[in-house]
Every structure is written in C-alpha cells, then in structure tokens.
Amino acid sequence: MTAWWGGRWLLTAALILAGLSGWCDEPDLSSYARRQYAEAREKYRSAPENVELAWQFARACFDRAEFATNSTERALIAEEGLAACRQALERAPASAPARYYLGMNLGQLARTKGIGALKLVNQMEREFQTVRQEDATIDYGGPDRNLGLLYRETPIIASIGSRSKAKHHLQQAAALAPTYLDNRLNLAESYLRWGDRNGALREWKAVEELWEKARAEFSGEAWASTWADWSIRREQLRSQVTTEPRSLKSPRA
C-alpha cells in the first residue's frame, strides 16, 4: 500500500524536489515498511519473472525508501524498485501497477538529485500520464494526484509547472477517491498556496466530515504512517483556514 504520496505517502513534488523526510524519522512508523520490503524482496527474488511480485516489490521499495537515512540509501532502494518495474514491463508492457511504481520510484530517486531532479520530471510525467489512461483509479487516484503535485511544485519556466494543470488533476484525484484524505488535503493546501481561502476552507470541511469514515476504511498497521501524516496536515490546515486573515486597511486612531 502506498501513496504517494503516491497513495498513502506524501508524494508531493515538494518532497521529491526538496528531499524532506518529516516524520519518517520515527522508528515505530518505519518497522512496517521495513518488514514489507524484506518480505517482498524475498518473494520477488524467488520468482523474478512474476510481474505481480515485481511491482509489489517496487511498491515496497517506495515505502521503504521513505525511511532511508541518507540519499545514498534512498537511491539504492529506489533503483531496486526501478529495476523490478522495468523488468516487469519488458514482460507485460500494459501493466499499470508496474508503470505506476516505476514513476513512484523515479520520485524517490529524484529526491536524491537536488536540482538534477528536474531531469527526471518529464519521465515521471510521462509514466503517470500513461498509467492514468490505463487505470486512473490505481492507488486511490494516484496518477492524477501525482501529476497534480508535479505540476504544482515544478517551475513554470524551467520545467512543466502549471497551476491550471495542477488544479485539474488534484480535483480529479479527489473526485475519484473522495474518502482518501490525501487527495482532499493536497487540494486544500494547494488552494491556500494559490490564495483561494474559500476553496481551502471547503476542502478542510470535507476532511472533517470524512475523517471518521476514513478511519474505518483505512485502518491497521499499514496505515499508521499515513495517519501520522494526515493528522499533522489536518491540524496545520485547521490553524490556517479558521484564523481570520489580517486586515489590509490602514489602522485608524
């Protein structure tokens, strides 16, 4: 299970390009990803020709890379995922999961490249666009979510950045999987960034209304890290959208 962010992880291009790790330093939140990675790698190595085992391993690589302690470790894990996906796509070019997790692990690799990450952006865009045409619902609207975040975070002049494209794809992700709170949170955070306070407030209210339903739908150890993320972002939004904006008028005596 992933996002990414990106399914359940914050696969924002902000993380991709800035290389932030946030709560991923918490060892109790990393244990599940580490265990899943080890198990998926063992299964894949026992049958490398199995396409499903390949993309499942690549998914585990993405999650495991979230907890990497340095860029070298993250890059090595991401490369494992990329190799598994490429091998799977040689056997099954139409495999949407293999192509999706190829794009996801490209994102992890990009986090280790600094400004060089921009060179991978076009490839990520291409992979997610292709997956979107094949299966837009994968990973709770993952293709649209990741495209929206790429368009939001990358430069407009030097890269593919576009507010209109970002808004379109983030809205599509929320429409495809409205109870997957990452989609709503991304949209609310984007509205705030773009100065649309009413839009942000609307999405924050949707998050509040869906919170308990999502708790029931996305439960268990696999979702612990996700809820840590969502809870932090929920509170940040609460403080931003419920605080009255400062008046721009000049003070009068």
C-alpha atoms as a PDB file:
ATOM      1  CA  MET A   1       0.000   0.000   0.000  1.00  0.00           C
ATOM      2  CA  THR A   2       1.416   3.359  -0.940  1.00  0.00           C
ATOM      3  CA  ALA A   3       0.585   6.823  -1.754  1.00  0.00           C
ATOM      4  CA  TRP A   4       2.181   8.815  -2.655  1.00  0.00           C
ATOM      5  CA  TRP A   5       2.188  10.204  -1.519  1.00  0.00           C
ATOM      6  CA  GLY A   6       1.665   8.415  -4.264  1.00  0.00           C
ATOM      7  CA  GLY A   7      -1.103   6.713  -2.279  1.00  0.00           C
ATOM      8  CA  ARG A   8      -0.757   6.892   1.379  1.00  0.00           C
ATOM      9  CA  TRP A   9       2.536   8.807   1.466  1.00  0.00           C
ATOM     10  CA  LEU A  10       3.124  12.462   0.785  1.00  0.00           C
ATOM     11  CA  LEU A  11       4.402  12.055  -2.693  1.00  0.00           C
ATOM     12  CA  THR A  12       4.402  15.747  -3.249  1.00  0.00           C
ATOM     13  CA  ALA A  13       6.860  17.161  -5.663  1.00  0.00           C
ATOM     14  CA  ALA A  14       7.851  19.370  -2.736  1.00  0.00           C
ATOM     15  CA  LEU A  15       9.229  16.276  -1.080  1.00  0.00           C
ATOM     16  CA  ILE A  16      10.562  14.991  -4.369  1.00  0.00           C
ATOM     17  CA  LEU A  17      12.479  18.140  -5.139  1.00  0.00           C
ATOM     18  CA  ALA A  18      13.266  19.367  -1.638  1.00  0.00           C
ATOM     19  CA  GLY A  19      14.194  15.999  -0.185  1.00  0.00           C
ATOM     20  CA  LEU A  20      12.263  16.437   3.043  1.00  0.00           C
ATOM     21  CA  SER A  21      11.591  13.444   5.283  1.00  0.00           C
ATOM     22  CA  GLY A  22       9.492  14.769   8.182  1.00  0.00           C
ATOM     23  CA  TRP A  23       8.001  12.151  10.446  1.00  0.00           C
ATOM     24  CA  CYS A  24       9.797   9.371   8.604  1.00  0.00           C
ATOM     25  CA  ASP A  25      12.493   9.527  11.255  1.00  0.00           C
ATOM     26  CA  GLU A  26      10.183   7.788  13.738  1.00  0.00           C
ATOM     27  CA  PRO A  27      11.391   4.173  14.096  1.00  0.00           C
ATOM     28  CA  ASP A  28       7.993   2.874  15.216  1.00  0.00           C
ATOM     29  CA  LEU A  29       6.482   4.115  11.957  1.00  0.00           C
ATOM     30  CA  SER A  30       9.231   2.562   9.836  1.00  0.00           C
ATOM     31  CA  SER A  31       9.019  -1.009  11.113  1.00  0.00           C
ATOM     32  CA  TYR A  32       6.095  -1.998   8.920  1.00  0.00           C
ATOM     33  CA  ALA A  33       7.718  -0.630   5.750  1.00  0.00           C
ATOM     34  CA  ARG A  34      10.995  -2.357   6.540  1.00  0.00           C
ATOM     35  CA  ARG A  35       9.283  -5.689   7.146  1.00  0.00           C
ATOM     36  CA  GLN A  36       7.175  -5.442   3.996  1.00  0.00           C
ATOM     37  CA  TYR A  37      10.250  -4.573   1.962  1.00  0.00           C
ATOM     38  CA  ALA A  38      12.181  -7.607   3.229  1.00  0.00           C
ATOM     39  CA  GLU A  39       9.270  -9.955   2.603  1.00  0.00           C
ATOM     40  CA  ALA A  40       8.511  -8.586  -0.857  1.00  0.00           C
ATOM     41  CA  ARG A  41      12.178  -8.765  -1.868  1.00  0.00           C
ATOM     42  CA  GLU A  42      12.399 -12.408  -0.831  1.00  0.00           C
ATOM     43  CA  LYS A  43       9.271 -13.307  -2.801  1.00  0.00           C
ATOM     44  CA  TYR A  44      10.430 -11.402  -5.868  1.00  0.00           C
ATOM     45  CA  ARG A  45      13.884 -12.969  -5.839  1.00  0.00           C
ATOM     46  CA  SER A  46      12.283 -16.420  -5.732  1.00  0.00           C
ATOM     47  CA  ALA A  47      10.317 -15.688  -8.925  1.00  0.00           C
ATOM     48  CA  PRO A  48      11.726 -12.629 -10.745  1.00  0.00           C
ATOM     49  CA  GLU A  49       9.680 -13.462 -13.842  1.00  0.00           C
ATOM     50  CA  ASN A  50       6.442 -12.909 -11.911  1.00  0.00           C
ATOM     51  CA  VAL A  51       5.097  -9.481 -12.905  1.00  0.00           C
ATOM     52  CA  GLU A  52       2.827  -9.116  -9.891  1.00  0.00           C
ATOM     53  CA  LEU A  53       5.615  -9.926  -7.445  1.00  0.00           C
ATOM     54  CA  ALA A  54       7.815  -7.429  -9.289  1.00  0.00           C
ATOM     55  CA  TRP A  55       5.506  -4.449  -8.894  1.00  0.00           C
ATOM     56  CA  GLN A  56       4.658  -5.451  -5.331  1.00  0.00           C
ATOM     57  CA  PHE A  57       8.367  -5.363  -4.555  1.00  0.00           C
ATOM     58  CA  ALA A  58       8.663  -1.996  -6.286  1.00  0.00           C
ATOM     59  CA  ARG A  59       5.805  -0.701  -4.136  1.00  0.00           C
ATOM     60  CA  ALA A  60       7.607  -1.936  -1.033  1.00  0.00           C
ATOM     61  CA  CYS A  61      10.794  -0.232  -2.260  1.00  0.00           C
ATOM     62  CA  PHE A  62       8.984   3.069  -2.497  1.00  0.00           C
ATOM     63  CA  ASP A  63       7.630   2.760   1.035  1.00  0.00           C
ATOM     64  CA  ARG A  64      10.953   1.595   2.418  1.00  0.00           C
ATOM     65  CA  ALA A  65      12.782   4.463   0.754  1.00  0.00           C
ATOM     66  CA  GLU A  66      10.619   6.911   2.715  1.00  0.00           C
ATOM     67  CA  PHE A  67      12.566   5.872   5.802  1.00  0.00           C
ATOM     68  CA  ALA A  68      16.031   5.997   4.263  1.00  0.00           C
ATOM     69  CA  THR A  69      18.528   7.761   6.500  1.00  0.00           C
ATOM     70  CA  ASN A  70      20.536   9.304   3.657  1.00  0.00           C
ATOM     71  CA  SER A  71      20.429   9.926  -0.077  1.00  0.00           C
ATOM     72  CA  THR A  72      22.706   7.008  -0.911  1.00  0.00           C
ATOM     73  CA  GLU A  73      20.425   4.530   0.831  1.00  0.00           C
ATOM     74  CA  ARG A  74      17.320   6.061  -0.721  1.00  0.00           C
ATOM     75  CA  ALA A  75      18.817   5.944  -4.209  1.00  0.00           C
ATOM     76  CA  LEU A  76      19.863   2.296  -3.855  1.00  0.00           C
ATOM     77  CA  ILE A  77      16.394   1.242  -2.731  1.00  0.00           C
ATOM     78  CA  ALA A  78      14.731   3.270  -5.463  1.00  0.00           C
ATOM     79  CA  GLU A  79      16.991   1.708  -8.080  1.00  0.00           C
ATOM     80  CA  GLU A  80      15.907  -1.728  -6.888  1.00  0.00           C
ATOM     81  CA  GLY A  81      12.299  -0.738  -7.433  1.00  0.00           C
ATOM     82  CA  LEU A  82      13.042   0.753 -10.826  1.00  0.00           C
ATOM     83  CA  ALA A  83      14.870  -2.366 -11.976  1.00  0.00           C
ATOM     84  CA  ALA A  84      11.959  -4.579 -10.883  1.00  0.00           C
ATOM     85  CA  CYS A  85       9.453  -2.396 -12.727  1.00  0.00           C
ATOM     86  CA  ARG A  86      11.487  -2.235 -15.913  1.00  0.00           C
ATOM     87  CA  GLN A  87      11.913  -5.991 -15.900  1.00  0.00           C
ATOM     88  CA  ALA A  88       8.175  -6.431 -15.358  1.00  0.00           C
ATOM     89  CA  LEU A  89       7.328  -4.020 -18.179  1.00  0.00           C
ATOM     90  CA  GLU A  90       9.520  -5.974 -20.570  1.00  0.00           C
ATOM     91  CA  ARG A  91       7.250  -8.956 -19.935  1.00  0.00           C
ATOM     92  CA  ALA A  92       3.986  -7.038 -19.574  1.00  0.00           C
ATOM     93  CA  PRO A  93       4.140  -3.575 -21.197  1.00  0.00           C
ATOM     94  CA  ALA A  94       0.487  -2.926 -20.317  1.00  0.00           C
ATOM     95  CA  SER A  95       0.941  -3.492 -16.581  1.00  0.00           C
ATOM     96  CA  ALA A  96      -0.439  -0.322 -14.995  1.00  0.00           C
ATOM     97  CA  PRO A  97       0.907  -1.127 -11.489  1.00  0.00           C
ATOM     98  CA  ALA A  98       4.427  -1.754 -12.822  1.00  0.00           C
ATOM     99  CA  ARG A  99       4.398   1.546 -14.693  1.00  0.00           C
ATOM    100  CA  TYR A 100       2.881   3.384 -11.746  1.00  0.00           C
ATOM    101  CA  TYR A 101       5.528   2.211  -9.301  1.00  0.00           C
ATOM    102  CA  LEU A 102       8.183   2.977 -11.885  1.00  0.00           C
ATOM    103  CA  GLY A 103       7.027   6.585 -11.678  1.00  0.00           C
ATOM    104  CA  MET A 104       6.873   6.440  -7.898  1.00  0.00           C
ATOM    105  CA  ASN A 105      10.416   5.178  -7.532  1.00  0.00           C
ATOM    106  CA  LEU A 106      11.613   7.764 -10.015  1.00  0.00           C
ATOM    107  CA  GLY A 107      10.237  10.241  -7.494  1.00  0.00           C
ATOM    108  CA  GLN A 108      12.300   8.695  -4.726  1.00  0.00           C
ATOM    109  CA  LEU A 109      15.398   8.790  -6.923  1.00  0.00           C
ATOM    110  CA  ALA A 110      14.690  12.420  -7.768  1.00  0.00           C
ATOM    111  CA  ARG A 111      14.772  13.278  -4.064  1.00  0.00           C
ATOM    112  CA  THR A 112      18.473  12.387  -4.055  1.00  0.00           C
ATOM    113  CA  LYS A 113      19.385  14.565  -7.032  1.00  0.00           C
ATOM    114  CA  GLY A 114      18.832  18.140  -5.877  1.00  0.00           C
ATOM    115  CA  ILE A 115      18.470  20.413  -8.896  1.00  0.00           C
ATOM    116  CA  GLY A 116      19.211  17.383 -11.050  1.00  0.00           C
ATOM    117  CA  ALA A 117      15.758  16.064 -10.130  1.00  0.00           C
ATOM    118  CA  LEU A 118      14.310  18.296 -12.825  1.00  0.00           C
ATOM    119  CA  LYS A 119      15.826  15.975 -15.419  1.00  0.00           C
ATOM    120  CA  LEU A 120      13.550  13.182 -14.190  1.00  0.00           C
ATOM    121  CA  VAL A 121      10.365  15.245 -14.120  1.00  0.00           C
ATOM    122  CA  ASN A 122       9.435  14.696 -17.766  1.00  0.00           C
ATOM    123  CA  GLN A 123       9.857  10.967 -17.385  1.00  0.00           C
ATOM    124  CA  MET A 124       7.692  10.935 -14.274  1.00  0.00           C
ATOM    125  CA  GLU A 125       5.047  12.976 -16.060  1.00  0.00           C
ATOM    126  CA  ARG A 126       5.055  10.553 -18.986  1.00  0.00           C
ATOM    127  CA  GLU A 127       4.723   7.480 -16.795  1.00  0.00           C
ATOM    128  CA  PHE A 128       1.843   8.876 -14.742  1.00  0.00           C
ATOM    129  CA  GLN A 129       0.025  10.112 -17.830  1.00  0.00           C
ATOM    130  CA  THR A 130       0.272   6.662 -19.363  1.00  0.00           C
ATOM    131  CA  VAL A 131      -0.968   4.963 -16.202  1.00  0.00           C
ATOM    132  CA  ARG A 132      -3.827   7.448 -15.964  1.00  0.00           C
ATOM    133  CA  GLN A 133      -5.054   6.331 -19.367  1.00  0.00           C
ATOM    134  CA  GLU A 134      -4.792   2.670 -18.396  1.00  0.00           C
ATOM    135  CA  ASP A 135      -6.193   2.838 -14.845  1.00  0.00           C
ATOM    136  CA  ALA A 136      -6.881   6.236 -13.300  1.00  0.00           C
ATOM    137  CA  THR A 137      -8.164   4.641 -10.084  1.00  0.00           C
ATOM    138  CA  ILE A 138      -4.934   2.910  -9.088  1.00  0.00           C
ATOM    139  CA  ASP A 139      -3.693   3.916  -5.646  1.00  0.00           C
ATOM    140  CA  TYR A 140      -6.789   5.989  -4.913  1.00  0.00           C
ATOM    141  CA  GLY A 141      -6.433   8.304  -7.888  1.00  0.00           C
ATOM    142  CA  GLY A 142      -2.647   8.117  -7.710  1.00  0.00           C
ATOM    143  CA  PRO A 143      -1.868   9.099 -11.318  1.00  0.00           C
ATOM    144  CA  ASP A 144      -3.898  12.322 -11.077  1.00  0.00           C
ATOM    145  CA  ARG A 145      -2.635  13.034  -7.578  1.00  0.00           C
ATOM    146  CA  ASN A 146       0.996  12.738  -8.585  1.00  0.00           C
ATOM    147  CA  LEU A 147       0.537  14.675 -11.809  1.00  0.00           C
ATOM    148  CA  GLY A 148      -1.198  17.449  -9.900  1.00  0.00           C
ATOM    149  CA  LEU A 149       1.629  17.687  -7.396  1.00  0.00           C
ATOM    150  CA  LEU A 150       4.273  17.609 -10.110  1.00  0.00           C
ATOM    151  CA  TYR A 151       2.577  20.468 -11.958  1.00  0.00           C
ATOM    152  CA  ARG A 152       2.147  22.377  -8.686  1.00  0.00           C
ATOM    153  CA  GLU A 153       5.721  22.079  -7.489  1.00  0.00           C
ATOM    154  CA  THR A 154       7.901  22.187 -10.578  1.00  0.00           C
ATOM    155  CA  PRO A 155       8.994  25.524 -12.073  1.00  0.00           C
ATOM    156  CA  ILE A 156       6.735  27.029 -14.712  1.00  0.00           C
ATOM    157  CA  ILE A 157       9.534  28.415 -16.879  1.00  0.00           C
ATOM    158  CA  ALA A 158      12.299  25.817 -16.496  1.00  0.00           C
ATOM    159  CA  SER A 159      10.045  22.788 -16.254  1.00  0.00           C
ATOM    160  CA  ILE A 160       6.442  21.582 -16.587  1.00  0.00           C
ATOM    161  CA  GLY A 161       4.856  23.613 -13.790  1.00  0.00           C
ATOM    162  CA  SER A 162       1.271  24.728 -14.388  1.00  0.00           C
ATOM    163  CA  ARG A 163      -1.325  25.915 -11.892  1.00  0.00           C
ATOM    164  CA  SER A 164      -4.235  25.084 -14.192  1.00  0.00           C
ATOM    165  CA  LYS A 165      -2.990  21.535 -14.798  1.00  0.00           C
ATOM    166  CA  ALA A 166      -2.236  21.067 -11.116  1.00  0.00           C
ATOM    167  CA  LYS A 167      -5.720  22.155 -10.126  1.00  0.00           C
ATOM    168  CA  HIS A 168      -7.350  19.927 -12.738  1.00  0.00           C
ATOM    169  CA  HIS A 169      -5.507  16.777 -11.711  1.00  0.00           C
ATOM    170  CA  LEU A 170      -5.817  17.353  -7.966  1.00  0.00           C
ATOM    171  CA  GLN A 171      -9.556  17.861  -8.399  1.00  0.00           C
ATOM    172  CA  GLN A 172      -9.737  14.688 -10.465  1.00  0.00           C
ATOM    173  CA  ALA A 173      -7.966  12.705  -7.762  1.00  0.00           C
ATOM    174  CA  ALA A 174     -10.405  13.984  -5.135  1.00  0.00           C
ATOM    175  CA  ALA A 175     -13.348  13.081  -7.374  1.00  0.00           C
ATOM    176  CA  LEU A 176     -12.002   9.567  -7.995  1.00  0.00           C
ATOM    177  CA  ALA A 177     -11.273   8.782  -4.339  1.00  0.00           C
ATOM    178  CA  PRO A 178     -13.003  11.367  -2.121  1.00  0.00           C
ATOM    179  CA  THR A 179     -12.536   9.441   1.138  1.00  0.00           C
ATOM    180  CA  TYR A 180      -8.796   9.080   0.597  1.00  0.00           C
ATOM    181  CA  LEU A 181      -7.853  12.119   2.650  1.00  0.00           C
ATOM    182  CA  ASP A 182      -4.533  12.741   0.944  1.00  0.00           C
ATOM    183  CA  ASN A 183      -6.459  13.906  -2.109  1.00  0.00           C
ATOM    184  CA  ARG A 184      -8.511  16.375  -0.094  1.00  0.00           C
ATOM    185  CA  LEU A 185      -5.537  17.616   1.898  1.00  0.00           C
ATOM    186  CA  ASN A 186      -3.474  18.175  -1.249  1.00  0.00           C
ATOM    187  CA  LEU A 187      -6.286  20.188  -2.768  1.00  0.00           C
ATOM    188  CA  ALA A 188      -6.830  22.273   0.356  1.00  0.00           C
ATOM    189  CA  GLU A 189      -3.114  23.002   0.700  1.00  0.00           C
ATOM    190  CA  SER A 190      -2.961  23.979  -2.952  1.00  0.00           C
ATOM    191  CA  TYR A 191      -5.890  26.376  -2.629  1.00  0.00           C
ATOM    192  CA  LEU A 192      -4.126  28.056   0.276  1.00  0.00           C
ATOM    193  CA  ARG A 193      -0.967  28.377  -1.767  1.00  0.00           C
ATOM    194  CA  TRP A 194      -2.924  29.938  -4.607  1.00  0.00           C
ATOM    195  CA  GLY A 195      -4.741  32.393  -2.349  1.00  0.00           C
ATOM    196  CA  ASP A 196      -8.135  30.687  -2.619  1.00  0.00           C
ATOM    197  CA  ARG A 197      -9.181  30.729   1.031  1.00  0.00           C
ATOM    198  CA  ASN A 198     -12.762  29.681   0.303  1.00  0.00           C
ATOM    199  CA  GLY A 199     -11.572  26.655  -1.667  1.00  0.00           C
ATOM    200  CA  ALA A 200      -9.219  25.662   1.133  1.00  0.00           C
ATOM    201  CA  LEU A 201     -11.961  26.043   3.734  1.00  0.00           C
ATOM    202  CA  ARG A 202     -14.314  23.931   1.641  1.00  0.00           C
ATOM    203  CA  GLU A 203     -11.815  21.090   1.357  1.00  0.00           C
ATOM    204  CA  TRP A 204     -10.875  21.291   5.028  1.00  0.00           C
ATOM    205  CA  LYS A 205     -14.558  20.927   5.938  1.00  0.00           C
ATOM    206  CA  ALA A 206     -14.720  17.896   3.659  1.00  0.00           C
ATOM    207  CA  VAL A 207     -11.742  16.413   5.505  1.00  0.00           C
ATOM    208  CA  GLU A 208     -13.505  16.975   8.826  1.00  0.00           C
ATOM    209  CA  GLU A 209     -16.710  15.363   7.582  1.00  0.00           C
ATOM    210  CA  LEU A 210     -14.890  12.350   6.144  1.00  0.00           C
ATOM    211  CA  TRP A 211     -12.385  11.854   8.954  1.00  0.00           C
ATOM    212  CA  GLU A 212     -14.162   9.096  10.894  1.00  0.00           C
ATOM    213  CA  LYS A 213     -15.294   7.318   7.737  1.00  0.00           C
ATOM    214  CA  ALA A 214     -11.713   7.292   6.510  1.00  0.00           C
ATOM    215  CA  ARG A 215     -10.572   6.000   9.906  1.00  0.00           C
ATOM    216  CA  ALA A 216     -12.767   2.956   9.410  1.00  0.00           C
ATOM    217  CA  GLU A 217     -11.781   2.456   5.773  1.00  0.00           C
ATOM    218  CA  PHE A 218      -8.013   2.853   6.183  1.00  0.00           C
ATOM    219  CA  SER A 219      -7.207   1.035   9.392  1.00  0.00           C
ATOM    220  CA  GLY A 220      -4.476  -1.218  10.681  1.00  0.00           C
ATOM    221  CA  GLU A 221      -0.703  -1.221  10.977  1.00  0.00           C
ATOM    222  CA  ALA A 222      -0.181  -0.493   7.288  1.00  0.00           C
ATOM    223  CA  TRP A 223      -1.852   2.890   7.703  1.00  0.00           C
ATOM    224  CA  ALA A 224      -0.125   4.101  10.866  1.00  0.00           C
ATOM    225  CA  SER A 225       2.321   6.317   8.983  1.00  0.00           C
ATOM    226  CA  THR A 226      -0.442   7.703   6.826  1.00  0.00           C
ATOM    227  CA  TRP A 227      -2.491   8.787   9.793  1.00  0.00           C
ATOM    228  CA  ALA A 228       0.548  10.423  11.363  1.00  0.00           C
ATOM    229  CA  ASP A 229       0.899  12.446   8.175  1.00  0.00           C
ATOM    230  CA  TRP A 230      -2.778  13.253   7.770  1.00  0.00           C
ATOM    231  CA  SER A 231      -3.175  14.274  11.404  1.00  0.00           C
ATOM    232  CA  ILE A 232      -0.308  16.767  11.215  1.00  0.00           C
ATOM    233  CA  ARG A 233      -1.580  18.279   7.986  1.00  0.00           C
ATOM    234  CA  ARG A 234      -5.154  18.407   9.264  1.00  0.00           C
ATOM    235  CA  GLU A 235      -4.091  20.491  12.255  1.00  0.00           C
ATOM    236  CA  GLN A 236      -1.962  22.771  10.103  1.00  0.00           C
ATOM    237  CA  LEU A 237      -4.938  23.387   7.839  1.00  0.00           C
ATOM    238  CA  ARG A 238      -7.223  23.961  10.793  1.00  0.00           C
ATOM    239  CA  SER A 239      -4.999  26.737  12.098  1.00  0.00           C
ATOM    240  CA  GLN A 240      -4.752  28.359   8.679  1.00  0.00           C
ATOM    241  CA  VAL A 241      -8.353  28.234   7.497  1.00  0.00           C
ATOM    242  CA  THR A 242     -10.026  29.035  10.827  1.00  0.00           C
ATOM    243  CA  THR A 243      -7.879  32.079  11.584  1.00  0.00           C
ATOM    244  CA  GLU A 244      -9.279  35.356  10.351  1.00  0.00           C
ATOM    245  CA  PRO A 245      -6.985  36.963   7.761  1.00  0.00           C
ATOM    246  CA  ARG A 246      -5.350  40.197   8.814  1.00  0.00           C
ATOM    247  CA  SER A 247      -6.979  43.333   7.550  1.00  0.00           C
ATOM    248  CA  LEU A 248      -5.151  45.186   4.830  1.00  0.00           C
ATOM    249  CA  LYS A 249      -6.680  48.515   5.839  1.00  0.00           C
ATOM    250  CA  SER A 250      -4.576  51.194   7.490  1.00  0.00           C
ATOM    251  CA  PRO A 251      -5.155  51.460  11.255  1.00  0.00           C
ATOM    252  CA  ARG A 252      -7.216  54.440  12.409  1.00  0.00           C
ATOM    253  CA  ALA A 253      -6.850  56.270  15.679  1.00  0.00           C
END
